[in-house]
Amino acid sequence: MAEPFVVTDDEFQDEVINSETPVLVDFWAEWCGPCHMIAPHVKAIAGEYEGSLRVAKLDVDDNPTVPGRYGIIGIPTLMLFKGGEVVARITGALPKDRIVAQIVPHLEKAEA
């Protein structure tokens, strides 16, 4: 079963922007309670959509450049990148079904 992988500012271009597979990026921080609340959802999504979606985690404290580039001012924020572009943005600790509802339409288009 796929697990989320860690991505840094330095790796972001290669691992996310240049990815041929859509990438869901979890922008989080260790001190963020809501980030820990959604972590099991993020991990489950990585496993359930293995093959059609990659899931990355980016610690905003250790990697401030990418969050600044995308205007992230609150965490947790999930962003779905497809073809190097942001196609979905989810902010806050939402239930798994609401997260999935926002990303699945973009995955279906990728597979059609």
N, C-alpha and C. Protein backbone atom coordinates (compact mmCIF):
# COMPACT_ATOMS: atom_id res chain seq x y z
N MET A 1 0.84 -1.19 0.00
CA MET A 1 0.00 0.00 0.00
C MET A 1 0.88 1.24 0.00
N ALA A 2 0.54 2.19 -0.84
CA ALA A 2 1.32 3.43 -0.96
C ALA A 2 1.21 4.26 0.32
N GLU A 3 2.30 4.92 0.61
CA GLU A 3 2.36 5.84 1.75
C GLU A 3 2.66 7.23 1.20
N PRO A 4 2.24 8.28 1.92
CA PRO A 4 2.66 9.61 1.51
C PRO A 4 4.19 9.73 1.58
N PHE A 5 4.77 10.47 0.66
CA PHE A 5 6.21 10.68 0.69
C PHE A 5 6.50 12.12 1.08
N VAL A 6 7.67 12.35 1.64
CA VAL A 6 8.07 13.69 2.07
C VAL A 6 8.69 14.41 0.88
N VAL A 7 8.28 15.67 0.69
CA VAL A 7 8.85 16.50 -0.36
C VAL A 7 9.35 17.79 0.28
N THR A 8 10.44 18.33 -0.27
CA THR A 8 11.03 19.56 0.23
C THR A 8 10.96 20.65 -0.84
N ASP A 9 11.31 21.87 -0.44
CA ASP A 9 11.37 22.96 -1.42
C ASP A 9 12.25 22.58 -2.61
N ASP A 10 13.39 21.97 -2.31
CA ASP A 10 14.35 21.63 -3.36
C ASP A 10 13.84 20.55 -4.31
N GLU A 11 13.01 19.65 -3.83
CA GLU A 11 12.51 18.53 -4.63
C GLU A 11 11.17 18.81 -5.30
N PHE A 12 10.52 19.91 -4.93
CA PHE A 12 9.15 20.17 -5.35
C PHE A 12 8.98 20.17 -6.87
N GLN A 13 9.86 20.83 -7.56
CA GLN A 13 9.75 20.90 -9.03
C GLN A 13 9.76 19.50 -9.65
N ASP A 14 10.74 18.68 -9.26
CA ASP A 14 10.87 17.34 -9.84
C ASP A 14 9.75 16.41 -9.39
N GLU A 15 9.44 16.42 -8.11
CA GLU A 15 8.50 15.44 -7.55
C GLU A 15 7.03 15.79 -7.75
N VAL A 16 6.72 17.08 -7.84
CA VAL A 16 5.31 17.49 -7.93
C VAL A 16 5.00 18.13 -9.28
N ILE A 17 5.67 19.21 -9.60
CA ILE A 17 5.35 19.95 -10.83
C ILE A 17 5.60 19.10 -12.07
N ASN A 18 6.70 18.36 -12.10
CA ASN A 18 7.04 17.56 -13.27
C ASN A 18 6.44 16.15 -13.26
N SER A 19 5.65 15.82 -12.25
CA SER A 19 5.08 14.48 -12.15
C SER A 19 4.04 14.24 -13.24
N GLU A 20 4.11 13.08 -13.86
CA GLU A 20 3.11 12.71 -14.86
C GLU A 20 1.81 12.26 -14.20
N THR A 21 1.89 11.86 -12.93
CA THR A 21 0.73 11.45 -12.14
C THR A 21 0.30 12.63 -11.28
N PRO A 22 -1.01 12.86 -11.13
CA PRO A 22 -1.45 13.92 -10.22
C PRO A 22 -0.86 13.71 -8.81
N VAL A 23 -0.54 14.83 -8.15
CA VAL A 23 0.06 14.77 -6.82
C VAL A 23 -0.78 15.62 -5.86
N LEU A 24 -1.22 14.99 -4.77
CA LEU A 24 -1.90 15.69 -3.68
C LEU A 24 -0.83 16.05 -2.66
N VAL A 25 -0.64 17.34 -2.40
CA VAL A 25 0.37 17.79 -1.45
C VAL A 25 -0.31 18.26 -0.18
N ASP A 26 0.11 17.67 0.94
CA ASP A 26 -0.37 18.04 2.27
C ASP A 26 0.63 19.01 2.88
N PHE A 27 0.25 20.28 2.95
CA PHE A 27 1.09 21.29 3.59
C PHE A 27 0.73 21.28 5.08
N TRP A 28 1.72 20.96 5.92
CA TRP A 28 1.45 20.72 7.33
C TRP A 28 2.63 21.19 8.19
N ALA A 29 2.46 21.11 9.52
CA ALA A 29 3.54 21.37 10.47
C ALA A 29 3.32 20.48 11.69
N GLU A 30 4.41 20.13 12.36
CA GLU A 30 4.35 19.23 13.51
C GLU A 30 3.46 19.78 14.63
N TRP A 31 3.46 21.08 14.83
CA TRP A 31 2.72 21.71 15.93
C TRP A 31 1.23 21.87 15.63
N CYS A 32 0.81 21.58 14.43
CA CYS A 32 -0.56 21.84 13.96
C CYS A 32 -1.50 20.68 14.31
N GLY A 33 -2.37 20.89 15.28
CA GLY A 33 -3.33 19.86 15.69
C GLY A 33 -4.23 19.39 14.56
N PRO A 34 -4.87 20.32 13.82
CA PRO A 34 -5.73 19.89 12.71
C PRO A 34 -4.97 19.10 11.64
N CYS A 35 -3.68 19.39 11.47
CA CYS A 35 -2.86 18.63 10.51
C CYS A 35 -2.79 17.16 10.94
N HIS A 36 -2.63 16.94 12.22
CA HIS A 36 -2.58 15.56 12.73
C HIS A 36 -3.95 14.90 12.63
N MET A 37 -5.02 15.69 12.72
CA MET A 37 -6.37 15.14 12.59
C MET A 37 -6.62 14.57 11.20
N ILE A 38 -6.11 15.24 10.16
CA ILE A 38 -6.37 14.74 8.80
C ILE A 38 -5.30 13.77 8.31
N ALA A 39 -4.21 13.62 9.04
CA ALA A 39 -3.12 12.74 8.59
C ALA A 39 -3.59 11.32 8.26
N PRO A 40 -4.46 10.71 9.08
CA PRO A 40 -4.94 9.36 8.72
C PRO A 40 -5.73 9.36 7.40
N HIS A 41 -6.47 10.43 7.14
CA HIS A 41 -7.22 10.53 5.88
C HIS A 41 -6.25 10.60 4.70
N VAL A 42 -5.22 11.42 4.86
CA VAL A 42 -4.23 11.59 3.79
C VAL A 42 -3.53 10.27 3.50
N LYS A 43 -3.17 9.56 4.56
CA LYS A 43 -2.52 8.26 4.40
C LYS A 43 -3.45 7.26 3.71
N ALA A 44 -4.71 7.24 4.11
CA ALA A 44 -5.69 6.32 3.49
C ALA A 44 -5.89 6.64 2.01
N ILE A 45 -5.95 7.91 1.67
CA ILE A 45 -6.12 8.33 0.28
C ILE A 45 -4.93 7.86 -0.55
N ALA A 46 -3.73 7.98 0.01
CA ALA A 46 -2.52 7.52 -0.70
C ALA A 46 -2.64 6.04 -1.06
N GLY A 47 -3.15 5.24 -0.14
CA GLY A 47 -3.30 3.81 -0.39
C GLY A 47 -4.43 3.48 -1.34
N GLU A 48 -5.56 4.16 -1.17
CA GLU A 48 -6.74 3.85 -1.97
C GLU A 48 -6.61 4.28 -3.43
N TYR A 49 -5.83 5.31 -3.68
CA TYR A 49 -5.71 5.83 -5.04
C TYR A 49 -4.33 5.57 -5.63
N GLU A 50 -3.63 4.59 -5.07
CA GLU A 50 -2.31 4.21 -5.57
C GLU A 50 -2.40 3.89 -7.06
N GLY A 51 -1.48 4.43 -7.81
CA GLY A 51 -1.47 4.20 -9.26
C GLY A 51 -2.06 5.36 -10.03
N SER A 52 -3.06 6.05 -9.44
CA SER A 52 -3.65 7.19 -10.14
C SER A 52 -3.38 8.51 -9.42
N LEU A 53 -2.76 8.42 -8.24
CA LEU A 53 -2.47 9.61 -7.44
C LEU A 53 -1.25 9.37 -6.57
N ARG A 54 -0.36 10.36 -6.50
CA ARG A 54 0.75 10.34 -5.55
C ARG A 54 0.40 11.33 -4.46
N VAL A 55 0.81 11.03 -3.23
CA VAL A 55 0.51 11.90 -2.10
C VAL A 55 1.81 12.30 -1.42
N ALA A 56 2.01 13.61 -1.29
CA ALA A 56 3.23 14.15 -0.69
C ALA A 56 2.88 14.97 0.54
N LYS A 57 3.84 15.04 1.47
CA LYS A 57 3.72 15.88 2.66
C LYS A 57 4.88 16.87 2.65
N LEU A 58 4.54 18.16 2.83
CA LEU A 58 5.56 19.20 2.87
C LEU A 58 5.43 19.95 4.19
N ASP A 59 6.46 19.91 5.02
CA ASP A 59 6.49 20.61 6.31
C ASP A 59 6.76 22.08 6.03
N VAL A 60 5.78 22.93 6.35
CA VAL A 60 5.89 24.36 6.03
C VAL A 60 6.95 25.07 6.86
N ASP A 61 7.27 24.55 8.04
CA ASP A 61 8.31 25.18 8.86
C ASP A 61 9.69 24.94 8.28
N ASP A 62 9.93 23.75 7.79
CA ASP A 62 11.23 23.40 7.22
C ASP A 62 11.39 23.84 5.77
N ASN A 63 10.28 24.10 5.10
CA ASN A 63 10.28 24.42 3.67
C ASN A 63 9.36 25.61 3.39
N PRO A 64 9.80 26.84 3.66
CA PRO A 64 8.91 28.00 3.51
C PRO A 64 8.74 28.54 2.08
N THR A 65 9.60 28.15 1.16
CA THR A 65 9.56 28.73 -0.18
C THR A 65 8.31 28.34 -0.95
N VAL A 66 8.02 27.06 -1.03
CA VAL A 66 6.86 26.59 -1.81
C VAL A 66 5.54 27.11 -1.21
N PRO A 67 5.32 27.01 0.10
CA PRO A 67 4.07 27.57 0.64
C PRO A 67 3.92 29.06 0.33
N GLY A 68 5.03 29.79 0.39
CA GLY A 68 4.98 31.22 0.05
C GLY A 68 4.59 31.44 -1.40
N ARG A 69 5.12 30.61 -2.28
CA ARG A 69 4.83 30.73 -3.72
C ARG A 69 3.35 30.52 -4.00
N TYR A 70 2.71 29.63 -3.24
CA TYR A 70 1.30 29.32 -3.48
C TYR A 70 0.35 30.03 -2.52
N GLY A 71 0.85 30.99 -1.76
CA GLY A 71 -0.01 31.80 -0.91
C GLY A 71 -0.68 31.04 0.22
N ILE A 72 0.00 30.06 0.76
CA ILE A 72 -0.58 29.28 1.84
C ILE A 72 -0.40 30.04 3.15
N ILE A 73 -1.53 30.43 3.75
CA ILE A 73 -1.48 31.18 5.00
C ILE A 73 -2.12 30.42 6.16
N GLY A 74 -2.75 29.30 5.87
CA GLY A 74 -3.35 28.46 6.90
C GLY A 74 -3.10 27.01 6.60
N ILE A 75 -2.89 26.24 7.66
CA ILE A 75 -2.70 24.80 7.49
C ILE A 75 -3.65 24.08 8.42
N PRO A 76 -4.05 22.87 8.08
CA PRO A 76 -3.62 22.12 6.90
C PRO A 76 -4.23 22.66 5.61
N THR A 77 -3.43 22.63 4.57
CA THR A 77 -3.90 22.92 3.23
C THR A 77 -3.47 21.75 2.35
N LEU A 78 -4.40 21.24 1.58
CA LEU A 78 -4.12 20.20 0.59
C LEU A 78 -4.27 20.83 -0.78
N MET A 79 -3.30 20.59 -1.64
CA MET A 79 -3.38 21.09 -3.01
C MET A 79 -3.14 19.94 -3.97
N LEU A 80 -4.01 19.83 -4.97
CA LEU A 80 -3.87 18.80 -5.98
C LEU A 80 -3.25 19.42 -7.22
N PHE A 81 -2.09 18.88 -7.61
CA PHE A 81 -1.38 19.33 -8.80
C PHE A 81 -1.56 18.30 -9.90
N LYS A 82 -1.92 18.81 -11.07
CA LYS A 82 -2.09 17.93 -12.23
C LYS A 82 -1.49 18.66 -13.42
N GLY A 83 -0.53 18.03 -14.07
CA GLY A 83 0.14 18.68 -15.18
C GLY A 83 0.88 19.94 -14.76
N GLY A 84 1.35 19.95 -13.52
CA GLY A 84 2.10 21.09 -13.02
C GLY A 84 1.26 22.25 -12.52
N GLU A 85 -0.06 22.13 -12.63
CA GLU A 85 -0.98 23.20 -12.22
C GLU A 85 -1.83 22.78 -11.03
N VAL A 86 -2.21 23.76 -10.21
CA VAL A 86 -3.11 23.49 -9.09
C VAL A 86 -4.52 23.36 -9.65
N VAL A 87 -5.15 22.21 -9.39
CA VAL A 87 -6.51 22.00 -9.86
C VAL A 87 -7.53 21.90 -8.72
N ALA A 88 -7.04 21.77 -7.49
CA ALA A 88 -7.93 21.76 -6.32
C ALA A 88 -7.14 22.24 -5.12
N ARG A 89 -7.83 22.97 -4.24
CA ARG A 89 -7.21 23.48 -3.02
C ARG A 89 -8.20 23.30 -1.88
N ILE A 90 -7.77 22.63 -0.83
CA ILE A 90 -8.63 22.31 0.30
C ILE A 90 -7.93 22.81 1.56
N THR A 91 -8.57 23.70 2.30
CA THR A 91 -7.98 24.23 3.52
C THR A 91 -8.83 23.84 4.72
N GLY A 92 -8.17 23.39 5.77
CA GLY A 92 -8.86 23.02 7.00
C GLY A 92 -8.96 21.52 7.17
N ALA A 93 -9.38 21.14 8.37
CA ALA A 93 -9.49 19.72 8.71
C ALA A 93 -10.87 19.21 8.30
N LEU A 94 -10.97 18.77 7.06
CA LEU A 94 -12.23 18.26 6.54
C LEU A 94 -12.30 16.74 6.68
N PRO A 95 -13.52 16.20 6.72
CA PRO A 95 -13.67 14.74 6.73
C PRO A 95 -13.14 14.15 5.42
N LYS A 96 -12.72 12.91 5.48
CA LYS A 96 -12.12 12.24 4.32
C LYS A 96 -13.04 12.28 3.10
N ASP A 97 -14.33 12.06 3.29
CA ASP A 97 -15.23 12.02 2.14
C ASP A 97 -15.29 13.37 1.42
N ARG A 98 -15.15 14.46 2.14
CA ARG A 98 -15.16 15.79 1.50
C ARG A 98 -13.86 16.06 0.77
N ILE A 99 -12.76 15.53 1.28
CA ILE A 99 -11.47 15.65 0.59
C ILE A 99 -11.53 14.86 -0.72
N VAL A 100 -11.95 13.62 -0.61
CA VAL A 100 -12.03 12.74 -1.78
C VAL A 100 -12.96 13.33 -2.84
N ALA A 101 -14.07 13.91 -2.42
CA ALA A 101 -15.03 14.48 -3.36
C ALA A 101 -14.42 15.59 -4.21
N GLN A 102 -13.43 16.28 -3.66
CA GLN A 102 -12.80 17.37 -4.41
C GLN A 102 -11.66 16.91 -5.31
N ILE A 103 -11.08 15.73 -5.01
CA ILE A 103 -9.95 15.29 -5.85
C ILE A 103 -10.33 14.26 -6.90
N VAL A 104 -11.32 13.44 -6.63
CA VAL A 104 -11.66 12.35 -7.55
C VAL A 104 -12.06 12.83 -8.95
N PRO A 105 -12.81 13.92 -9.09
CA PRO A 105 -13.15 14.36 -10.46
C PRO A 105 -11.91 14.62 -11.32
N HIS A 106 -10.84 15.08 -10.70
CA HIS A 106 -9.62 15.36 -11.46
C HIS A 106 -8.89 14.07 -11.82
N LEU A 107 -9.03 13.06 -11.01
CA LEU A 107 -8.40 11.78 -11.29
C LEU A 107 -9.14 11.06 -12.40
N GLU A 108 -10.44 11.13 -12.40
CA GLU A 108 -11.24 10.48 -13.44
C GLU A 108 -10.92 11.06 -14.82
N LYS A 109 -10.70 12.37 -14.87
CA LYS A 109 -10.37 13.00 -16.15
C LYS A 109 -9.00 12.52 -16.63
N ALA A 110 -8.10 12.27 -15.67
CA ALA A 110 -6.75 11.81 -16.03
C ALA A 110 -6.79 10.40 -16.62
N GLU A 111 -7.76 9.61 -16.16
CA GLU A 111 -7.82 8.21 -16.59
C GLU A 111 -8.72 8.00 -17.79
N ALA A 112 -9.53 8.97 -18.13
CA ALA A 112 -10.51 8.82 -19.22
C ALA A 112 -9.83 8.81 -20.58
